[in-house]
């Protein structure tokens, strides 16, 4: 297993001082991204500037990324691309809330993070369908941490299920 540490500057490609970022710490923030292979994240967002910013941050931290701009096409993209995690803006062209329902129904094991600029959306019942809720910001640290947390949980569940298999199957016999 390879561990990559990704600072804010590495993720975004920008140089930010601790004072500019509002941080009281003198050291840059670090997010550990642990991967066996490049994990695939599907970003569904109609705001191309935000989608490209997040995509760059994820790629710089070792993720494979694909983009979708329309909520109606999102479900088909999830089915065809089989991402390991979906990052969905629910307030977008098409009906993002309906897309969330369909993604959760068709791919219940795929973690979904609602990524939106509207803080109040967290209190709506639809937000409970998602595995996590992250407010959009210029600092991707919280988003990267949420992605890694969900992918770590998913990996742990796969190992737990594999450990329950009979030894003959687990050993390849």
C-alpha atoms as a PDB file:
ATOM      1  CA  UNK A   1       0.000   0.000   0.000  1.00  0.00           C
ATOM      2  CA  UNK A   2       1.317   3.402  -0.986  1.00  0.00           C
ATOM      3  CA  UNK A   3       0.570   6.462   1.099  1.00  0.00           C
ATOM      4  CA  UNK A   4       0.591   9.878  -0.516  1.00  0.00           C
ATOM      5  CA  UNK A   5       0.471  13.052   1.529  1.00  0.00           C
ATOM      6  CA  UNK A   6      -1.255  15.849  -0.288  1.00  0.00           C
ATOM      7  CA  UNK A   7      -1.050  19.437   0.955  1.00  0.00           C
ATOM      8  CA  UNK A   8      -3.523  22.147  -0.049  1.00  0.00           C
ATOM      9  CA  UNK A   9      -0.875  23.598  -2.360  1.00  0.00           C
ATOM     10  CA  UNK A  10      -0.215  20.202  -3.992  1.00  0.00           C
ATOM     11  CA  UNK A  11      -3.916  19.492  -4.429  1.00  0.00           C
ATOM     12  CA  UNK A  12      -4.827  22.841  -5.956  1.00  0.00           C
ATOM     13  CA  UNK A  13      -1.573  23.852  -7.606  1.00  0.00           C
ATOM     14  CA  UNK A  14      -1.690  27.225  -5.819  1.00  0.00           C
ATOM     15  CA  UNK A  15       0.545  28.735  -3.198  1.00  0.00           C
ATOM     16  CA  UNK A  16      -1.341  29.944  -0.131  1.00  0.00           C
ATOM     17  CA  UNK A  17       0.157  31.258   3.070  1.00  0.00           C
ATOM     18  CA  UNK A  18      -1.215  30.183   6.451  1.00  0.00           C
ATOM     19  CA  UNK A  19      -2.498  33.746   6.970  1.00  0.00           C
ATOM     20  CA  UNK A  20      -4.416  33.770   3.645  1.00  0.00           C
ATOM     21  CA  UNK A  21      -6.030  30.398   4.316  1.00  0.00           C
ATOM     22  CA  UNK A  22      -7.211  31.493   7.742  1.00  0.00           C
ATOM     23  CA  UNK A  23      -5.190  28.750   9.373  1.00  0.00           C
ATOM     24  CA  UNK A  24      -3.550  29.375  12.722  1.00  0.00           C
ATOM     25  CA  UNK A  25      -1.121  26.556  12.037  1.00  0.00           C
ATOM     26  CA  UNK A  26       2.235  27.323  10.485  1.00  0.00           C
ATOM     27  CA  UNK A  27       2.445  23.987   8.648  1.00  0.00           C
ATOM     28  CA  UNK A  28       0.290  23.268   5.585  1.00  0.00           C
ATOM     29  CA  UNK A  29      -2.692  20.974   6.002  1.00  0.00           C
ATOM     30  CA  UNK A  30      -2.119  17.391   4.992  1.00  0.00           C
ATOM     31  CA  UNK A  31      -4.561  14.797   3.800  1.00  0.00           C
ATOM     32  CA  UNK A  32      -3.318  11.236   3.596  1.00  0.00           C
ATOM     33  CA  UNK A  33      -4.531   9.428   0.514  1.00  0.00           C
ATOM     34  CA  UNK A  34      -3.903   5.704   0.758  1.00  0.00           C
ATOM     35  CA  UNK A  35      -4.288   3.811  -2.494  1.00  0.00           C
ATOM     36  CA  UNK A  36      -3.514   0.380  -3.882  1.00  0.00           C
ATOM     37  CA  UNK A  37      -4.511   1.637  -7.325  1.00  0.00           C
ATOM     38  CA  UNK A  38      -5.980   4.819  -8.723  1.00  0.00           C
ATOM     39  CA  UNK A  39      -9.464   5.091  -7.204  1.00  0.00           C
ATOM     40  CA  UNK A  40     -12.116   6.370  -9.630  1.00  0.00           C
ATOM     41  CA  UNK A  41     -14.322   9.312  -8.599  1.00  0.00           C
ATOM     42  CA  UNK A  42     -17.198  10.541 -10.767  1.00  0.00           C
ATOM     43  CA  UNK A  43     -17.890  14.274 -10.339  1.00  0.00           C
ATOM     44  CA  UNK A  44     -21.424  15.336 -11.299  1.00  0.00           C
ATOM     45  CA  UNK A  45     -21.625  19.131 -11.331  1.00  0.00           C
ATOM     46  CA  UNK A  46     -22.992  21.644 -13.848  1.00  0.00           C
ATOM     47  CA  UNK A  47     -20.535  24.355 -12.745  1.00  0.00           C
ATOM     48  CA  UNK A  48     -17.535  23.571 -14.951  1.00  0.00           C
ATOM     49  CA  UNK A  49     -15.146  25.805 -12.969  1.00  0.00           C
ATOM     50  CA  UNK A  50     -15.915  23.974  -9.719  1.00  0.00           C
ATOM     51  CA  UNK A  51     -15.791  20.571 -11.423  1.00  0.00           C
ATOM     52  CA  UNK A  52     -12.376  21.322 -12.942  1.00  0.00           C
ATOM     53  CA  UNK A  53     -11.014  22.676  -9.634  1.00  0.00           C
ATOM     54  CA  UNK A  54     -12.130  19.566  -7.741  1.00  0.00           C
ATOM     55  CA  UNK A  55     -10.950  17.309 -10.560  1.00  0.00           C
ATOM     56  CA  UNK A  56      -7.476  18.872 -10.465  1.00  0.00           C
ATOM     57  CA  UNK A  57      -7.279  18.486  -6.686  1.00  0.00           C
ATOM     58  CA  UNK A  58      -8.306  14.820  -6.890  1.00  0.00           C
ATOM     59  CA  UNK A  59      -5.937  14.031  -9.769  1.00  0.00           C
ATOM     60  CA  UNK A  60      -3.050  15.699  -7.918  1.00  0.00           C
ATOM     61  CA  UNK A  61      -3.805  13.394  -4.967  1.00  0.00           C
ATOM     62  CA  UNK A  62      -3.720  10.273  -7.146  1.00  0.00           C
ATOM     63  CA  UNK A  63      -7.372   9.715  -8.038  1.00  0.00           C
ATOM     64  CA  UNK A  64      -8.773   8.886 -11.450  1.00  0.00           C
ATOM     65  CA  UNK A  65     -11.584  11.326 -12.249  1.00  0.00           C
ATOM     66  CA  UNK A  66     -14.387  11.601 -14.775  1.00  0.00           C
ATOM     67  CA  UNK A  67     -16.866  14.472 -15.120  1.00  0.00           C
ATOM     68  CA  UNK A  68     -20.562  14.638 -15.894  1.00  0.00           C
ATOM     69  CA  UNK A  69     -22.434  17.958 -16.198  1.00  0.00           C
ATOM     70  CA  UNK A  70     -26.060  16.822 -16.362  1.00  0.00           C
ATOM     71  CA  UNK A  71     -28.059  15.135 -13.597  1.00  0.00           C
ATOM     72  CA  UNK A  72     -30.162  13.211 -16.126  1.00  0.00           C
ATOM     73  CA  UNK A  73     -27.068  11.588 -17.619  1.00  0.00           C
ATOM     74  CA  UNK A  74     -25.562  10.961 -14.179  1.00  0.00           C
ATOM     75  CA  UNK A  75     -27.268   7.628 -13.504  1.00  0.00           C
ATOM     76  CA  UNK A  76     -26.169   6.228 -16.865  1.00  0.00           C
ATOM     77  CA  UNK A  77     -22.634   7.452 -16.172  1.00  0.00           C
ATOM     78  CA  UNK A  78     -22.612   5.727 -12.778  1.00  0.00           C
ATOM     79  CA  UNK A  79     -23.844   2.465 -14.343  1.00  0.00           C
ATOM     80  CA  UNK A  80     -21.386   2.533 -17.245  1.00  0.00           C
ATOM     81  CA  UNK A  81     -18.261   3.892 -15.532  1.00  0.00           C
ATOM     82  CA  UNK A  82     -18.693   2.083 -12.188  1.00  0.00           C
ATOM     83  CA  UNK A  83     -16.935   4.718 -10.061  1.00  0.00           C
ATOM     84  CA  UNK A  84     -15.811   3.877  -6.560  1.00  0.00           C
ATOM     85  CA  UNK A  85     -17.328   7.151  -5.312  1.00  0.00           C
ATOM     86  CA  UNK A  86     -19.765   9.741  -6.679  1.00  0.00           C
ATOM     87  CA  UNK A  87     -19.444  13.447  -5.892  1.00  0.00           C
ATOM     88  CA  UNK A  88     -22.832  15.013  -6.681  1.00  0.00           C
ATOM     89  CA  UNK A  89     -24.027  18.611  -6.723  1.00  0.00           C
ATOM     90  CA  UNK A  90     -27.773  18.222  -6.165  1.00  0.00           C
ATOM     91  CA  UNK A  91     -28.592  21.820  -7.172  1.00  0.00           C
ATOM     92  CA  UNK A  92     -27.849  21.671 -10.892  1.00  0.00           C
ATOM     93  CA  UNK A  93     -29.234  21.270 -14.415  1.00  0.00           C
ATOM     94  CA  UNK A  94     -31.738  18.471 -14.427  1.00  0.00           C
ATOM     95  CA  UNK A  95     -32.906  17.230 -11.066  1.00  0.00           C
ATOM     96  CA  UNK A  96     -29.931  16.452  -8.838  1.00  0.00           C
ATOM     97  CA  UNK A  97     -32.175  15.172  -6.031  1.00  0.00           C
ATOM     98  CA  UNK A  98     -33.839  12.709  -8.399  1.00  0.00           C
ATOM     99  CA  UNK A  99     -30.403  11.635  -9.670  1.00  0.00           C
ATOM    100  CA  UNK A 100     -29.342  10.987  -6.061  1.00  0.00           C
ATOM    101  CA  UNK A 101     -32.410   8.761  -5.548  1.00  0.00           C
ATOM    102  CA  UNK A 102     -31.659   6.806  -8.728  1.00  0.00           C
ATOM    103  CA  UNK A 103     -27.933   6.401  -7.998  1.00  0.00           C
ATOM    104  CA  UNK A 104     -28.624   5.135  -4.471  1.00  0.00           C
ATOM    105  CA  UNK A 105     -31.251   2.737  -5.872  1.00  0.00           C
ATOM    106  CA  UNK A 106     -29.224   1.362  -8.806  1.00  0.00           C
ATOM    107  CA  UNK A 107     -25.811   1.281  -7.098  1.00  0.00           C
ATOM    108  CA  UNK A 108     -26.409   1.042  -3.339  1.00  0.00           C
ATOM    109  CA  UNK A 109     -22.796   0.102  -2.581  1.00  0.00           C
ATOM    110  CA  UNK A 110     -21.324   3.173  -4.301  1.00  0.00           C
ATOM    111  CA  UNK A 111     -20.684   5.944  -1.761  1.00  0.00           C
ATOM    112  CA  UNK A 112     -22.194   9.327  -2.658  1.00  0.00           C
ATOM    113  CA  UNK A 113     -21.072  12.691  -1.320  1.00  0.00           C
ATOM    114  CA  UNK A 114     -23.449  15.616  -1.783  1.00  0.00           C
ATOM    115  CA  UNK A 115     -21.206  18.567  -2.680  1.00  0.00           C
ATOM    116  CA  UNK A 116     -23.163  21.803  -2.808  1.00  0.00           C
ATOM    117  CA  UNK A 117     -22.820  25.497  -2.004  1.00  0.00           C
ATOM    118  CA  UNK A 118     -26.111  25.561  -0.081  1.00  0.00           C
ATOM    119  CA  UNK A 119     -25.458  24.876   3.601  1.00  0.00           C
ATOM    120  CA  UNK A 120     -29.195  24.595   4.327  1.00  0.00           C
ATOM    121  CA  UNK A 121     -29.478  21.604   2.022  1.00  0.00           C
ATOM    122  CA  UNK A 122     -27.957  19.428   4.759  1.00  0.00           C
ATOM    123  CA  UNK A 123     -31.233  19.649   6.706  1.00  0.00           C
ATOM    124  CA  UNK A 124     -33.419  18.414   3.854  1.00  0.00           C
ATOM    125  CA  UNK A 125     -34.533  14.766   3.940  1.00  0.00           C
ATOM    126  CA  UNK A 126     -32.910  14.057   0.563  1.00  0.00           C
ATOM    127  CA  UNK A 127     -29.465  14.727   2.052  1.00  0.00           C
ATOM    128  CA  UNK A 128     -29.917  11.682   4.292  1.00  0.00           C
ATOM    129  CA  UNK A 129     -29.637   9.431   1.226  1.00  0.00           C
ATOM    130  CA  UNK A 130     -26.024  10.486   0.738  1.00  0.00           C
ATOM    131  CA  UNK A 131     -23.107   9.022   2.672  1.00  0.00           C
ATOM    132  CA  UNK A 132     -21.697  12.471   3.411  1.00  0.00           C
ATOM    133  CA  UNK A 133     -22.392  16.163   2.840  1.00  0.00           C
ATOM    134  CA  UNK A 134     -19.608  18.651   2.091  1.00  0.00           C
ATOM    135  CA  UNK A 135     -20.113  22.364   1.477  1.00  0.00           C
ATOM    136  CA  UNK A 136     -18.214  23.709  -1.528  1.00  0.00           C
ATOM    137  CA  UNK A 137     -15.231  25.870  -0.632  1.00  0.00           C
ATOM    138  CA  UNK A 138     -11.932  27.077  -2.076  1.00  0.00           C
ATOM    139  CA  UNK A 139     -10.097  24.652   0.228  1.00  0.00           C
ATOM    140  CA  UNK A 140     -10.534  21.003  -0.829  1.00  0.00           C
ATOM    141  CA  UNK A 141      -9.124  19.600   2.439  1.00  0.00           C
ATOM    142  CA  UNK A 142     -12.508  18.703   3.949  1.00  0.00           C
ATOM    143  CA  UNK A 143     -13.684  17.171   0.674  1.00  0.00           C
ATOM    144  CA  UNK A 144     -10.499  15.098   0.276  1.00  0.00           C
ATOM    145  CA  UNK A 145     -10.806  13.876   3.863  1.00  0.00           C
ATOM    146  CA  UNK A 146     -14.453  12.855   3.316  1.00  0.00           C
ATOM    147  CA  UNK A 147     -13.558  10.995   0.112  1.00  0.00           C
ATOM    148  CA  UNK A 148     -10.711   9.120   1.772  1.00  0.00           C
ATOM    149  CA  UNK A 149     -12.851   8.278   4.808  1.00  0.00           C
ATOM    150  CA  UNK A 150     -15.641   6.803   2.654  1.00  0.00           C
ATOM    151  CA  UNK A 151     -13.250   4.873   0.421  1.00  0.00           C
ATOM    152  CA  UNK A 152     -11.443   3.504   3.502  1.00  0.00           C
ATOM    153  CA  UNK A 153     -14.766   2.308   4.940  1.00  0.00           C
ATOM    154  CA  UNK A 154     -15.662   0.720   1.594  1.00  0.00           C
ATOM    155  CA  UNK A 155     -12.293  -1.065   1.441  1.00  0.00           C
ATOM    156  CA  UNK A 156     -12.706  -2.327   5.010  1.00  0.00           C
ATOM    157  CA  UNK A 157     -16.167  -3.701   4.141  1.00  0.00           C
ATOM    158  CA  UNK A 158     -14.768  -5.561   1.120  1.00  0.00           C
ATOM    159  CA  UNK A 159     -12.052  -7.149   3.279  1.00  0.00           C
ATOM    160  CA  UNK A 160     -14.615  -8.062   5.955  1.00  0.00           C
ATOM    161  CA  UNK A 161     -16.828  -9.770   3.358  1.00  0.00           C
ATOM    162  CA  UNK A 162     -13.837 -11.589   1.854  1.00  0.00           C
ATOM    163  CA  UNK A 163     -12.819 -12.868   5.285  1.00  0.00           C
ATOM    164  CA  UNK A 164     -16.215 -14.584   5.636  1.00  0.00           C
ATOM    165  CA  UNK A 165     -15.684 -16.636   2.461  1.00  0.00           C
ATOM    166  CA  UNK A 166     -14.781 -20.329   2.835  1.00  0.00           C
ATOM    167  CA  UNK A 167     -11.031 -20.947   2.803  1.00  0.00           C
ATOM    168  CA  UNK A 168     -11.229 -22.927  -0.443  1.00  0.00           C
ATOM    169  CA  UNK A 169     -12.691 -19.936  -2.275  1.00  0.00           C
ATOM    170  CA  UNK A 170     -10.485 -17.380  -0.541  1.00  0.00           C
ATOM    171  CA  UNK A 171      -7.361 -19.388  -1.380  1.00  0.00           C
ATOM    172  CA  UNK A 172      -8.434 -19.751  -5.011  1.00  0.00           C
ATOM    173  CA  UNK A 173      -8.872 -23.524  -4.828  1.00  0.00           C
END
